[in-house]
Amino acid sequence: MIGWMHHTPRWTVISVCVIAAVLLFVGASSHVTDLLSQGLHPYDWAPGWLNLYWSSLALFDTLAAVFLIRGKRRGADLACAILATDLAANLYAVYGIQHSSLAVQPGLQRLTVFAALVLGAAPFIRRHLTS
């Protein structure tokens, strides 16, 4: 590991974990709302597997947020896995199914920035979290 990664300030680690946890809770609440109002298949235009993936994020977003709040390394790992796969799923939905683009999808733009934040910060904060 690069030496300067060892010296990430504690306030930075806490800030990143709190911001990521809050945004994961926002995502989870969105998925829970979809589940409660429309069931496991809230998006008629999307294939079943994609609907089930997005519905599963109600649980996984919540788990990652709770782990991050508790200072657990698995929270950062799970958040990275969620954001990488969610970004891929949304890019597929926008480009492959809806034939749209990033420029006209503000939700995808926000997700891209959030994914960049978490994936970029994870190597710096991970070693400061407990297992």
N, C-alpha and C. Protein backbone atom coordinates (compact mmCIF):
# COMPACT_ATOMS: atom_id res chain seq x y z
N MET A 1 0.85 -1.17 0.00
CA MET A 1 0.00 0.00 0.00
C MET A 1 0.89 1.23 0.00
N ILE A 2 0.48 2.22 -0.71
CA ILE A 2 1.24 3.47 -0.81
C ILE A 2 1.26 4.14 0.56
N GLY A 3 2.42 4.66 0.96
CA GLY A 3 2.60 5.21 2.30
C GLY A 3 1.64 6.31 2.68
N TRP A 4 1.34 7.23 1.76
CA TRP A 4 0.46 8.34 2.12
C TRP A 4 -0.98 7.90 2.34
N MET A 5 -1.35 6.68 1.89
CA MET A 5 -2.69 6.18 2.17
C MET A 5 -2.84 5.83 3.64
N HIS A 6 -1.72 5.54 4.30
CA HIS A 6 -1.76 5.21 5.73
C HIS A 6 -2.15 6.44 6.56
N HIS A 7 -1.95 7.61 6.02
CA HIS A 7 -2.11 8.84 6.78
C HIS A 7 -3.40 9.58 6.47
N THR A 8 -4.41 8.86 6.00
CA THR A 8 -5.70 9.50 5.77
C THR A 8 -6.24 9.99 7.11
N PRO A 9 -6.56 11.28 7.20
CA PRO A 9 -7.07 11.82 8.47
C PRO A 9 -8.36 11.13 8.91
N ARG A 10 -8.49 10.96 10.20
CA ARG A 10 -9.68 10.30 10.76
C ARG A 10 -10.96 11.02 10.36
N TRP A 11 -10.93 12.36 10.36
CA TRP A 11 -12.13 13.12 10.00
C TRP A 11 -12.53 12.85 8.55
N THR A 12 -11.58 12.58 7.69
CA THR A 12 -11.88 12.25 6.30
C THR A 12 -12.58 10.90 6.21
N VAL A 13 -12.05 9.93 6.94
CA VAL A 13 -12.65 8.59 6.95
C VAL A 13 -14.08 8.67 7.46
N ILE A 14 -14.28 9.36 8.57
CA ILE A 14 -15.62 9.50 9.14
C ILE A 14 -16.55 10.22 8.18
N SER A 15 -16.08 11.29 7.58
CA SER A 15 -16.91 12.06 6.64
C SER A 15 -17.34 11.23 5.45
N VAL A 16 -16.42 10.50 4.87
CA VAL A 16 -16.74 9.66 3.71
C VAL A 16 -17.75 8.58 4.10
N CYS A 17 -17.54 7.96 5.25
CA CYS A 17 -18.46 6.91 5.70
C CYS A 17 -19.85 7.46 5.95
N VAL A 18 -19.94 8.61 6.59
CA VAL A 18 -21.25 9.20 6.88
C VAL A 18 -21.95 9.62 5.59
N ILE A 19 -21.25 10.29 4.70
CA ILE A 19 -21.85 10.73 3.43
C ILE A 19 -22.33 9.52 2.64
N ALA A 20 -21.48 8.51 2.53
CA ALA A 20 -21.85 7.30 1.78
C ALA A 20 -23.04 6.61 2.43
N ALA A 21 -23.04 6.51 3.75
CA ALA A 21 -24.15 5.86 4.45
C ALA A 21 -25.46 6.61 4.23
N VAL A 22 -25.42 7.92 4.34
CA VAL A 22 -26.64 8.72 4.12
C VAL A 22 -27.17 8.51 2.70
N LEU A 23 -26.28 8.55 1.72
CA LEU A 23 -26.72 8.37 0.33
C LEU A 23 -27.19 6.95 0.06
N LEU A 24 -26.59 5.97 0.72
CA LEU A 24 -27.08 4.60 0.60
C LEU A 24 -28.47 4.46 1.22
N PHE A 25 -28.69 5.12 2.35
CA PHE A 25 -30.03 5.11 2.95
C PHE A 25 -31.06 5.78 2.05
N VAL A 26 -30.67 6.84 1.36
CA VAL A 26 -31.56 7.49 0.40
C VAL A 26 -31.93 6.51 -0.71
N GLY A 27 -30.93 5.81 -1.23
CA GLY A 27 -31.19 4.80 -2.26
C GLY A 27 -32.08 3.68 -1.75
N ALA A 28 -31.80 3.21 -0.55
CA ALA A 28 -32.62 2.14 0.04
C ALA A 28 -34.06 2.58 0.20
N SER A 29 -34.26 3.81 0.66
CA SER A 29 -35.64 4.29 0.84
C SER A 29 -36.36 4.39 -0.49
N SER A 30 -35.66 4.75 -1.54
CA SER A 30 -36.26 4.78 -2.87
C SER A 30 -36.68 3.39 -3.32
N HIS A 31 -35.82 2.41 -3.08
CA HIS A 31 -36.14 1.03 -3.47
C HIS A 31 -37.26 0.46 -2.60
N VAL A 32 -37.29 0.80 -1.32
CA VAL A 32 -38.37 0.35 -0.44
C VAL A 32 -39.69 0.96 -0.90
N THR A 33 -39.68 2.25 -1.25
CA THR A 33 -40.89 2.91 -1.75
C THR A 33 -41.40 2.21 -3.00
N ASP A 34 -40.49 1.89 -3.93
CA ASP A 34 -40.88 1.17 -5.14
C ASP A 34 -41.47 -0.20 -4.80
N LEU A 35 -40.83 -0.90 -3.88
CA LEU A 35 -41.33 -2.22 -3.47
C LEU A 35 -42.73 -2.14 -2.87
N LEU A 36 -42.94 -1.18 -2.00
CA LEU A 36 -44.23 -1.05 -1.34
C LEU A 36 -45.34 -0.60 -2.28
N SER A 37 -44.99 0.25 -3.22
CA SER A 37 -46.02 0.78 -4.12
C SER A 37 -46.26 -0.09 -5.35
N GLN A 38 -45.22 -0.79 -5.83
CA GLN A 38 -45.37 -1.51 -7.09
C GLN A 38 -44.87 -2.95 -7.07
N GLY A 39 -44.39 -3.42 -5.95
CA GLY A 39 -43.94 -4.80 -5.85
C GLY A 39 -42.53 -5.01 -6.38
N LEU A 40 -42.22 -6.27 -6.67
CA LEU A 40 -40.86 -6.64 -7.09
C LEU A 40 -40.51 -6.19 -8.51
N HIS A 41 -41.49 -5.80 -9.29
CA HIS A 41 -41.25 -5.40 -10.68
C HIS A 41 -41.80 -4.00 -10.92
N PRO A 42 -41.14 -2.98 -10.34
CA PRO A 42 -41.68 -1.62 -10.45
C PRO A 42 -41.50 -0.96 -11.82
N TYR A 43 -40.63 -1.48 -12.65
CA TYR A 43 -40.35 -0.85 -13.95
C TYR A 43 -40.82 -1.77 -15.07
N ASP A 44 -41.96 -1.44 -15.66
CA ASP A 44 -42.54 -2.27 -16.72
C ASP A 44 -41.61 -2.43 -17.92
N TRP A 45 -40.80 -1.43 -18.18
CA TRP A 45 -39.95 -1.42 -19.36
C TRP A 45 -38.68 -2.28 -19.18
N ALA A 46 -38.37 -2.63 -17.93
CA ALA A 46 -37.12 -3.36 -17.65
C ALA A 46 -37.39 -4.86 -17.54
N PRO A 47 -36.41 -5.67 -17.92
CA PRO A 47 -36.57 -7.12 -17.76
C PRO A 47 -36.68 -7.51 -16.28
N GLY A 48 -37.22 -8.69 -16.04
CA GLY A 48 -37.44 -9.15 -14.68
C GLY A 48 -36.19 -9.19 -13.82
N TRP A 49 -35.08 -9.68 -14.39
CA TRP A 49 -33.85 -9.79 -13.61
C TRP A 49 -33.35 -8.43 -13.14
N LEU A 50 -33.55 -7.41 -13.98
CA LEU A 50 -33.11 -6.06 -13.62
C LEU A 50 -34.01 -5.48 -12.52
N ASN A 51 -35.31 -5.72 -12.63
CA ASN A 51 -36.24 -5.31 -11.59
C ASN A 51 -35.89 -5.97 -10.26
N LEU A 52 -35.59 -7.26 -10.29
CA LEU A 52 -35.24 -7.96 -9.06
C LEU A 52 -33.93 -7.45 -8.47
N TYR A 53 -32.98 -7.14 -9.33
CA TYR A 53 -31.71 -6.58 -8.84
C TYR A 53 -31.98 -5.26 -8.11
N TRP A 54 -32.71 -4.36 -8.77
CA TRP A 54 -32.98 -3.06 -8.15
C TRP A 54 -33.79 -3.22 -6.87
N SER A 55 -34.73 -4.15 -6.84
CA SER A 55 -35.51 -4.39 -5.62
C SER A 55 -34.62 -4.92 -4.50
N SER A 56 -33.63 -5.75 -4.84
CA SER A 56 -32.73 -6.30 -3.82
C SER A 56 -31.89 -5.21 -3.16
N LEU A 57 -31.74 -4.08 -3.83
CA LEU A 57 -30.95 -2.99 -3.26
C LEU A 57 -31.61 -2.38 -2.03
N ALA A 58 -32.91 -2.61 -1.84
CA ALA A 58 -33.56 -2.15 -0.61
C ALA A 58 -32.85 -2.77 0.60
N LEU A 59 -32.46 -4.02 0.48
CA LEU A 59 -31.75 -4.71 1.55
C LEU A 59 -30.25 -4.39 1.53
N PHE A 60 -29.62 -4.51 0.37
CA PHE A 60 -28.16 -4.37 0.30
C PHE A 60 -27.68 -2.95 0.57
N ASP A 61 -28.41 -1.93 0.08
CA ASP A 61 -28.05 -0.54 0.40
C ASP A 61 -28.09 -0.32 1.91
N THR A 62 -29.14 -0.85 2.54
CA THR A 62 -29.29 -0.69 3.99
C THR A 62 -28.15 -1.38 4.74
N LEU A 63 -27.82 -2.61 4.33
CA LEU A 63 -26.72 -3.33 4.98
C LEU A 63 -25.40 -2.57 4.86
N ALA A 64 -25.09 -2.11 3.66
CA ALA A 64 -23.84 -1.38 3.45
C ALA A 64 -23.80 -0.12 4.31
N ALA A 65 -24.92 0.60 4.38
CA ALA A 65 -24.97 1.83 5.18
C ALA A 65 -24.76 1.54 6.66
N VAL A 66 -25.40 0.50 7.16
CA VAL A 66 -25.25 0.13 8.57
C VAL A 66 -23.80 -0.27 8.86
N PHE A 67 -23.21 -1.07 8.00
CA PHE A 67 -21.81 -1.46 8.20
C PHE A 67 -20.88 -0.25 8.18
N LEU A 68 -21.12 0.70 7.29
CA LEU A 68 -20.28 1.91 7.24
C LEU A 68 -20.43 2.73 8.51
N ILE A 69 -21.66 2.88 8.99
CA ILE A 69 -21.89 3.64 10.23
C ILE A 69 -21.16 2.98 11.40
N ARG A 70 -21.10 1.65 11.38
CA ARG A 70 -20.41 0.91 12.44
C ARG A 70 -18.90 0.85 12.23
N GLY A 71 -18.40 1.46 11.14
CA GLY A 71 -16.96 1.49 10.88
C GLY A 71 -16.39 0.17 10.41
N LYS A 72 -17.20 -0.62 9.72
CA LYS A 72 -16.78 -1.94 9.27
C LYS A 72 -16.27 -1.90 7.83
N ARG A 73 -15.18 -2.60 7.61
CA ARG A 73 -14.57 -2.71 6.29
C ARG A 73 -15.54 -3.32 5.27
N ARG A 74 -16.35 -4.29 5.73
CA ARG A 74 -17.30 -4.93 4.81
C ARG A 74 -18.31 -3.93 4.27
N GLY A 75 -18.55 -2.83 4.99
CA GLY A 75 -19.44 -1.79 4.49
C GLY A 75 -18.87 -1.10 3.27
N ALA A 76 -17.58 -0.81 3.31
CA ALA A 76 -16.92 -0.20 2.15
C ALA A 76 -16.88 -1.18 0.99
N ASP A 77 -16.59 -2.44 1.28
CA ASP A 77 -16.54 -3.46 0.23
C ASP A 77 -17.91 -3.65 -0.42
N LEU A 78 -18.94 -3.75 0.41
CA LEU A 78 -20.30 -3.93 -0.11
C LEU A 78 -20.75 -2.70 -0.89
N ALA A 79 -20.44 -1.52 -0.38
CA ALA A 79 -20.81 -0.29 -1.09
C ALA A 79 -20.14 -0.25 -2.47
N CYS A 80 -18.88 -0.65 -2.54
CA CYS A 80 -18.18 -0.69 -3.84
C CYS A 80 -18.85 -1.67 -4.79
N ALA A 81 -19.18 -2.86 -4.29
CA ALA A 81 -19.84 -3.86 -5.13
C ALA A 81 -21.20 -3.36 -5.60
N ILE A 82 -21.96 -2.76 -4.69
CA ILE A 82 -23.28 -2.24 -5.05
C ILE A 82 -23.16 -1.16 -6.11
N LEU A 83 -22.27 -0.21 -5.87
CA LEU A 83 -22.19 0.92 -6.80
C LEU A 83 -21.64 0.51 -8.16
N ALA A 84 -20.70 -0.40 -8.19
CA ALA A 84 -20.18 -0.86 -9.48
C ALA A 84 -21.27 -1.58 -10.27
N THR A 85 -22.01 -2.46 -9.61
CA THR A 85 -23.05 -3.22 -10.32
C THR A 85 -24.27 -2.36 -10.62
N ASP A 86 -24.62 -1.45 -9.70
CA ASP A 86 -25.77 -0.57 -9.95
C ASP A 86 -25.48 0.38 -11.11
N LEU A 87 -24.27 0.90 -11.14
CA LEU A 87 -23.90 1.78 -12.26
C LEU A 87 -23.94 1.01 -13.57
N ALA A 88 -23.41 -0.21 -13.59
CA ALA A 88 -23.45 -1.03 -14.80
C ALA A 88 -24.89 -1.32 -15.22
N ALA A 89 -25.74 -1.67 -14.24
CA ALA A 89 -27.15 -1.97 -14.55
C ALA A 89 -27.87 -0.74 -15.10
N ASN A 90 -27.61 0.41 -14.50
CA ASN A 90 -28.26 1.63 -14.97
C ASN A 90 -27.74 2.08 -16.33
N LEU A 91 -26.45 1.90 -16.57
CA LEU A 91 -25.91 2.22 -17.90
C LEU A 91 -26.53 1.31 -18.95
N TYR A 92 -26.67 0.04 -18.62
CA TYR A 92 -27.32 -0.89 -19.54
C TYR A 92 -28.76 -0.46 -19.80
N ALA A 93 -29.48 -0.10 -18.73
CA ALA A 93 -30.87 0.31 -18.89
C ALA A 93 -31.00 1.57 -19.74
N VAL A 94 -30.13 2.54 -19.50
CA VAL A 94 -30.21 3.80 -20.24
C VAL A 94 -29.80 3.63 -21.69
N TYR A 95 -28.65 3.00 -21.92
CA TYR A 95 -28.14 2.88 -23.28
C TYR A 95 -28.74 1.69 -24.04
N GLY A 96 -28.88 0.55 -23.37
CA GLY A 96 -29.31 -0.66 -24.06
C GLY A 96 -30.80 -0.84 -24.19
N ILE A 97 -31.56 -0.35 -23.22
CA ILE A 97 -33.01 -0.56 -23.24
C ILE A 97 -33.74 0.71 -23.65
N GLN A 98 -33.41 1.81 -22.99
CA GLN A 98 -34.12 3.06 -23.25
C GLN A 98 -33.55 3.84 -24.43
N HIS A 99 -32.36 3.47 -24.88
CA HIS A 99 -31.69 4.17 -25.99
C HIS A 99 -31.61 5.67 -25.72
N SER A 100 -31.15 5.98 -24.53
CA SER A 100 -31.01 7.35 -24.08
C SER A 100 -29.52 7.64 -23.87
N SER A 101 -29.22 8.66 -23.09
CA SER A 101 -27.82 8.97 -22.82
C SER A 101 -27.66 9.58 -21.44
N LEU A 102 -26.43 9.60 -20.98
CA LEU A 102 -26.09 10.16 -19.67
C LEU A 102 -26.51 11.63 -19.59
N ALA A 103 -26.40 12.35 -20.68
CA ALA A 103 -26.68 13.79 -20.69
C ALA A 103 -28.12 14.12 -20.31
N VAL A 104 -29.06 13.24 -20.56
CA VAL A 104 -30.47 13.53 -20.29
C VAL A 104 -31.02 12.71 -19.11
N GLN A 105 -30.14 12.09 -18.35
CA GLN A 105 -30.55 11.25 -17.22
C GLN A 105 -29.92 11.77 -15.92
N PRO A 106 -30.56 12.73 -15.25
CA PRO A 106 -29.95 13.28 -14.03
C PRO A 106 -29.75 12.24 -12.93
N GLY A 107 -30.63 11.25 -12.85
CA GLY A 107 -30.44 10.20 -11.85
C GLY A 107 -29.17 9.41 -12.10
N LEU A 108 -28.90 9.11 -13.35
CA LEU A 108 -27.67 8.40 -13.71
C LEU A 108 -26.45 9.28 -13.48
N GLN A 109 -26.59 10.57 -13.72
CA GLN A 109 -25.48 11.48 -13.46
C GLN A 109 -25.12 11.48 -11.97
N ARG A 110 -26.14 11.55 -11.11
CA ARG A 110 -25.90 11.53 -9.66
C ARG A 110 -25.28 10.19 -9.23
N LEU A 111 -25.80 9.10 -9.77
CA LEU A 111 -25.26 7.78 -9.43
C LEU A 111 -23.80 7.66 -9.85
N THR A 112 -23.46 8.20 -11.00
CA THR A 112 -22.08 8.16 -11.50
C THR A 112 -21.14 8.91 -10.56
N VAL A 113 -21.56 10.08 -10.10
CA VAL A 113 -20.74 10.87 -9.17
C VAL A 113 -20.59 10.13 -7.84
N PHE A 114 -21.69 9.56 -7.34
CA PHE A 114 -21.65 8.82 -6.08
C PHE A 114 -20.73 7.60 -6.20
N ALA A 115 -20.85 6.87 -7.30
CA ALA A 115 -19.98 5.71 -7.53
C ALA A 115 -18.52 6.13 -7.57
N ALA A 116 -18.23 7.23 -8.24
CA ALA A 116 -16.85 7.73 -8.31
C ALA A 116 -16.33 8.09 -6.92
N LEU A 117 -17.18 8.72 -6.11
CA LEU A 117 -16.79 9.08 -4.75
C LEU A 117 -16.43 7.83 -3.95
N VAL A 118 -17.33 6.86 -3.94
CA VAL A 118 -17.12 5.67 -3.11
C VAL A 118 -15.96 4.82 -3.64
N LEU A 119 -15.95 4.57 -4.95
CA LEU A 119 -14.88 3.74 -5.51
C LEU A 119 -13.52 4.42 -5.40
N GLY A 120 -13.51 5.75 -5.52
CA GLY A 120 -12.25 6.49 -5.39
C GLY A 120 -11.75 6.59 -3.96
N ALA A 121 -12.68 6.71 -3.01
CA ALA A 121 -12.29 6.88 -1.61
C ALA A 121 -12.01 5.56 -0.90
N ALA A 122 -12.59 4.48 -1.37
CA ALA A 122 -12.48 3.20 -0.67
C ALA A 122 -11.04 2.77 -0.35
N PRO A 123 -10.11 2.88 -1.28
CA PRO A 123 -8.74 2.45 -0.94
C PRO A 123 -8.12 3.28 0.19
N PHE A 124 -8.55 4.52 0.34
CA PHE A 124 -7.98 5.40 1.36
C PHE A 124 -8.60 5.15 2.73
N ILE A 125 -9.88 4.79 2.75
CA ILE A 125 -10.55 4.63 4.04
C ILE A 125 -10.58 3.19 4.53
N ARG A 126 -10.50 2.26 3.62
CA ARG A 126 -10.69 0.85 3.96
C ARG A 126 -9.77 0.37 5.07
N ARG A 127 -8.54 0.72 5.00
CA ARG A 127 -7.58 0.23 6.00
C ARG A 127 -7.82 0.84 7.39
N HIS A 128 -8.59 1.90 7.47
CA HIS A 128 -8.89 2.53 8.76
C HIS A 128 -10.15 1.97 9.41
N LEU A 129 -10.83 1.06 8.70
CA LEU A 129 -12.05 0.45 9.22
C LEU A 129 -11.73 -0.89 9.84
N THR A 130 -12.58 -1.36 10.73
CA THR A 130 -12.36 -2.66 11.37
C THR A 130 -12.96 -3.76 10.53
N SER A 131 -12.49 -4.98 10.74
CA SER A 131 -12.99 -6.10 9.95
C SER A 131 -14.27 -6.65 10.46
